[in-house]
Amino acid sequence: MNKPRGYQHKYIYYDERKEKLAKIEENAKRELGLLPPKEFSPEDIRGKFVGATKHLKRRKESGRKPLSYGVLIMIIVFLLLLMKYLYTGELL
């Protein structure tokens, strides 16, 4: 059964470029000393590592999940049982 397509709301009157320029301008004013230093917020660094690496960014965009250890162990056990069956002819 296929999953329904996810809803993605795109703003009509939102200018990403304008917001990015405002952030650059604010950072420049802080560096010049015109504005007080910004307080540390964990939200500022959240997601920076994923955005900096190509493979993690691609995986996050595609929505794939990595294989869990349980699935890998089950595959290995299955392959070992298959190999034993092919060598001996007995299932267990």
N, C-alpha and C. Protein backbone atom coordinates (compact mmCIF):
# COMPACT_ATOMS: atom_id res chain seq x y z
N MET A 1 0.84 -1.17 0.00
CA MET A 1 0.00 0.00 0.00
C MET A 1 0.90 1.25 0.00
N ASN A 2 0.70 2.12 -0.94
CA ASN A 2 1.53 3.31 -1.06
C ASN A 2 1.15 4.34 -0.01
N LYS A 3 2.16 5.09 0.44
CA LYS A 3 1.90 6.17 1.39
C LYS A 3 1.32 7.36 0.63
N PRO A 4 0.46 8.11 1.26
CA PRO A 4 -0.04 9.31 0.59
C PRO A 4 1.06 10.36 0.47
N ARG A 5 0.93 11.18 -0.53
CA ARG A 5 1.92 12.21 -0.76
C ARG A 5 1.88 13.22 0.39
N GLY A 6 3.04 13.63 0.86
CA GLY A 6 3.12 14.57 1.97
C GLY A 6 2.71 15.97 1.56
N TYR A 7 2.17 16.70 2.50
CA TYR A 7 1.72 18.07 2.23
C TYR A 7 2.88 19.02 2.44
N GLN A 8 3.14 19.86 1.46
CA GLN A 8 4.21 20.85 1.55
C GLN A 8 3.61 22.21 1.22
N HIS A 9 3.53 23.05 2.23
CA HIS A 9 2.95 24.38 2.04
C HIS A 9 4.02 25.34 1.57
N LYS A 10 3.79 25.99 0.45
CA LYS A 10 4.73 26.98 -0.08
C LYS A 10 4.09 28.36 0.04
N TYR A 11 4.80 29.24 0.72
CA TYR A 11 4.27 30.58 0.93
C TYR A 11 4.29 31.37 -0.38
N ILE A 12 3.26 32.14 -0.60
CA ILE A 12 3.18 32.94 -1.83
C ILE A 12 3.96 34.24 -1.67
N TYR A 13 3.81 34.90 -0.54
CA TYR A 13 4.40 36.21 -0.33
C TYR A 13 5.65 36.16 0.53
N TYR A 14 6.42 35.11 0.42
CA TYR A 14 7.63 34.94 1.21
C TYR A 14 8.83 35.10 0.29
N ASP A 15 9.75 35.99 0.67
CA ASP A 15 10.94 36.22 -0.14
C ASP A 15 12.16 35.70 0.63
N GLU A 16 12.64 34.53 0.24
CA GLU A 16 13.76 33.91 0.92
C GLU A 16 15.02 34.76 0.79
N ARG A 17 15.21 35.36 -0.36
CA ARG A 17 16.39 36.18 -0.61
C ARG A 17 16.41 37.39 0.33
N LYS A 18 15.25 38.00 0.52
CA LYS A 18 15.15 39.17 1.38
C LYS A 18 15.49 38.81 2.83
N GLU A 19 15.01 37.67 3.29
CA GLU A 19 15.30 37.24 4.66
C GLU A 19 16.78 36.93 4.82
N LYS A 20 17.39 36.30 3.81
CA LYS A 20 18.81 35.97 3.87
C LYS A 20 19.65 37.25 3.92
N LEU A 21 19.27 38.26 3.12
CA LEU A 21 19.99 39.53 3.13
C LEU A 21 19.85 40.24 4.48
N ALA A 22 18.67 40.17 5.09
CA ALA A 22 18.46 40.78 6.40
C ALA A 22 19.34 40.11 7.45
N LYS A 23 19.48 38.78 7.36
CA LYS A 23 20.32 38.05 8.32
C LYS A 23 21.79 38.43 8.13
N ILE A 24 22.23 38.55 6.87
CA ILE A 24 23.62 38.95 6.60
C ILE A 24 23.87 40.36 7.13
N GLU A 25 22.90 41.25 6.93
CA GLU A 25 23.03 42.63 7.40
C GLU A 25 23.09 42.68 8.93
N GLU A 26 22.27 41.89 9.58
CA GLU A 26 22.28 41.84 11.05
C GLU A 26 23.61 41.33 11.58
N ASN A 27 24.15 40.27 10.94
CA ASN A 27 25.45 39.73 11.36
C ASN A 27 26.57 40.76 11.17
N ALA A 28 26.51 41.52 10.08
CA ALA A 28 27.52 42.55 9.82
C ALA A 28 27.44 43.65 10.88
N LYS A 29 26.23 44.06 11.25
CA LYS A 29 26.08 45.09 12.28
C LYS A 29 26.60 44.59 13.62
N ARG A 30 26.38 43.29 13.92
CA ARG A 30 26.89 42.73 15.18
C ARG A 30 28.42 42.73 15.19
N GLU A 31 29.03 42.41 14.04
CA GLU A 31 30.49 42.40 13.97
C GLU A 31 31.07 43.79 14.11
N LEU A 32 30.37 44.80 13.61
CA LEU A 32 30.85 46.17 13.72
C LEU A 32 30.59 46.77 15.10
N GLY A 33 29.78 46.11 15.91
CA GLY A 33 29.51 46.59 17.25
C GLY A 33 28.30 47.50 17.34
N LEU A 34 27.53 47.62 16.28
CA LEU A 34 26.34 48.46 16.30
C LEU A 34 25.19 47.80 17.07
N LEU A 35 25.17 46.48 17.11
CA LEU A 35 24.15 45.74 17.85
C LEU A 35 24.82 44.92 18.94
N PRO A 36 24.12 44.64 20.04
CA PRO A 36 24.73 43.80 21.09
C PRO A 36 24.91 42.37 20.59
N PRO A 37 25.87 41.65 21.17
CA PRO A 37 26.09 40.26 20.72
C PRO A 37 24.86 39.40 20.95
N LYS A 38 24.66 38.47 20.07
CA LYS A 38 23.50 37.59 20.14
C LYS A 38 23.74 36.51 21.19
N GLU A 39 22.69 36.20 21.96
CA GLU A 39 22.78 35.15 22.96
C GLU A 39 22.87 33.79 22.28
N PHE A 40 23.55 32.84 22.92
CA PHE A 40 23.69 31.50 22.35
C PHE A 40 22.35 30.78 22.37
N SER A 41 22.03 30.15 21.27
CA SER A 41 20.81 29.38 21.18
C SER A 41 21.14 28.06 20.49
N PRO A 42 20.72 26.92 21.07
CA PRO A 42 21.01 25.63 20.42
C PRO A 42 20.34 25.51 19.06
N GLU A 43 19.30 26.27 18.82
CA GLU A 43 18.61 26.23 17.52
C GLU A 43 19.51 26.75 16.40
N ASP A 44 20.49 27.59 16.74
CA ASP A 44 21.39 28.13 15.72
C ASP A 44 22.28 27.07 15.10
N ILE A 45 22.63 26.03 15.88
CA ILE A 45 23.54 25.01 15.36
C ILE A 45 22.82 23.72 14.97
N ARG A 46 21.53 23.65 15.21
CA ARG A 46 20.79 22.42 14.90
C ARG A 46 20.73 22.21 13.39
N GLY A 47 21.15 21.04 12.93
CA GLY A 47 21.08 20.68 11.52
C GLY A 47 22.25 21.17 10.68
N LYS A 48 23.22 21.82 11.28
CA LYS A 48 24.37 22.33 10.52
C LYS A 48 25.25 21.19 9.99
N PHE A 49 25.42 20.13 10.78
CA PHE A 49 26.28 19.02 10.35
C PHE A 49 25.66 18.29 9.18
N VAL A 50 24.35 18.07 9.23
CA VAL A 50 23.67 17.37 8.15
C VAL A 50 23.72 18.20 6.87
N GLY A 51 23.59 19.51 7.00
CA GLY A 51 23.63 20.38 5.82
C GLY A 51 25.01 20.50 5.22
N ALA A 52 26.05 20.21 6.00
CA ALA A 52 27.42 20.37 5.52
C ALA A 52 27.93 19.14 4.78
N THR A 53 27.28 17.99 4.95
CA THR A 53 27.75 16.78 4.29
C THR A 53 26.81 16.40 3.15
N LYS A 54 27.38 16.01 2.04
CA LYS A 54 26.57 15.70 0.85
C LYS A 54 25.69 14.47 1.05
N HIS A 55 26.28 13.40 1.58
CA HIS A 55 25.52 12.15 1.66
C HIS A 55 24.38 12.24 2.68
N LEU A 56 24.60 12.93 3.80
CA LEU A 56 23.52 13.06 4.78
C LEU A 56 22.42 13.98 4.27
N LYS A 57 22.82 15.02 3.54
CA LYS A 57 21.83 15.95 2.99
C LYS A 57 20.95 15.24 1.97
N ARG A 58 21.57 14.41 1.11
CA ARG A 58 20.80 13.66 0.12
C ARG A 58 19.86 12.66 0.78
N ARG A 59 20.34 11.97 1.82
CA ARG A 59 19.51 10.99 2.50
C ARG A 59 18.33 11.67 3.20
N LYS A 60 18.57 12.84 3.78
CA LYS A 60 17.50 13.56 4.47
C LYS A 60 16.46 14.04 3.46
N GLU A 61 16.90 14.51 2.30
CA GLU A 61 15.97 14.98 1.28
C GLU A 61 15.14 13.84 0.71
N SER A 62 15.75 12.67 0.54
CA SER A 62 15.02 11.55 -0.05
C SER A 62 14.12 10.86 0.98
N GLY A 63 14.42 11.01 2.26
CA GLY A 63 13.59 10.41 3.30
C GLY A 63 13.92 8.96 3.59
N ARG A 64 15.03 8.45 3.04
CA ARG A 64 15.42 7.06 3.32
C ARG A 64 15.89 6.92 4.75
N LYS A 65 15.63 5.76 5.31
CA LYS A 65 16.11 5.43 6.65
C LYS A 65 17.21 4.39 6.54
N PRO A 66 18.26 4.50 7.34
CA PRO A 66 19.32 3.48 7.30
C PRO A 66 18.82 2.16 7.86
N LEU A 67 19.45 1.06 7.44
CA LEU A 67 19.07 -0.25 7.96
C LEU A 67 19.43 -0.34 9.43
N SER A 68 18.56 -0.96 10.19
CA SER A 68 18.84 -1.13 11.62
C SER A 68 19.70 -2.37 11.82
N TYR A 69 20.30 -2.47 13.00
CA TYR A 69 21.15 -3.61 13.30
C TYR A 69 20.34 -4.91 13.34
N GLY A 70 19.12 -4.83 13.79
CA GLY A 70 18.27 -6.02 13.84
C GLY A 70 18.04 -6.61 12.47
N VAL A 71 17.79 -5.76 11.48
CA VAL A 71 17.57 -6.24 10.11
C VAL A 71 18.85 -6.86 9.56
N LEU A 72 19.98 -6.24 9.83
CA LEU A 72 21.25 -6.79 9.34
C LEU A 72 21.55 -8.14 9.97
N ILE A 73 21.28 -8.29 11.26
CA ILE A 73 21.52 -9.57 11.93
C ILE A 73 20.61 -10.64 11.36
N MET A 74 19.35 -10.31 11.10
CA MET A 74 18.41 -11.28 10.53
C MET A 74 18.87 -11.72 9.13
N ILE A 75 19.37 -10.81 8.33
CA ILE A 75 19.86 -11.15 6.99
C ILE A 75 21.06 -12.09 7.10
N ILE A 76 21.98 -11.78 8.01
CA ILE A 76 23.16 -12.63 8.18
C ILE A 76 22.77 -14.03 8.65
N VAL A 77 21.84 -14.13 9.59
CA VAL A 77 21.38 -15.44 10.08
C VAL A 77 20.73 -16.22 8.94
N PHE A 78 19.91 -15.55 8.15
CA PHE A 78 19.26 -16.20 7.02
C PHE A 78 20.29 -16.72 6.02
N LEU A 79 21.30 -15.91 5.71
CA LEU A 79 22.33 -16.35 4.78
C LEU A 79 23.15 -17.52 5.33
N LEU A 80 23.42 -17.50 6.63
CA LEU A 80 24.14 -18.63 7.24
C LEU A 80 23.31 -19.91 7.18
N LEU A 81 22.00 -19.82 7.46
CA LEU A 81 21.13 -20.99 7.36
C LEU A 81 21.04 -21.49 5.92
N LEU A 82 20.98 -20.60 4.98
CA LEU A 82 20.94 -20.98 3.56
C LEU A 82 22.23 -21.69 3.16
N MET A 83 23.36 -21.15 3.62
CA MET A 83 24.65 -21.76 3.29
C MET A 83 24.74 -23.17 3.91
N LYS A 84 24.28 -23.32 5.16
CA LYS A 84 24.29 -24.63 5.82
C LYS A 84 23.39 -25.61 5.07
N TYR A 85 22.23 -25.14 4.63
CA TYR A 85 21.31 -26.00 3.88
C TYR A 85 21.92 -26.45 2.55
N LEU A 86 22.60 -25.53 1.88
CA LEU A 86 23.21 -25.90 0.59
C LEU A 86 24.35 -26.88 0.78
N TYR A 87 25.13 -26.80 1.86
CA TYR A 87 26.24 -27.72 2.08
C TYR A 87 25.78 -29.08 2.56
N THR A 88 24.86 -29.10 3.52
CA THR A 88 24.48 -30.38 4.14
C THR A 88 23.19 -30.97 3.58
N GLY A 89 22.31 -30.17 3.08
CA GLY A 89 21.03 -30.66 2.60
C GLY A 89 19.99 -30.73 3.69
N GLU A 90 20.35 -30.38 4.92
CA GLU A 90 19.41 -30.39 6.04
C GLU A 90 19.07 -28.95 6.41
N LEU A 91 17.84 -28.74 6.82
CA LEU A 91 17.42 -27.38 7.14
C LEU A 91 17.96 -26.94 8.50
N LEU A 92 17.81 -27.78 9.54
CA LEU A 92 18.32 -27.42 10.86
C LEU A 92 19.11 -28.52 11.47
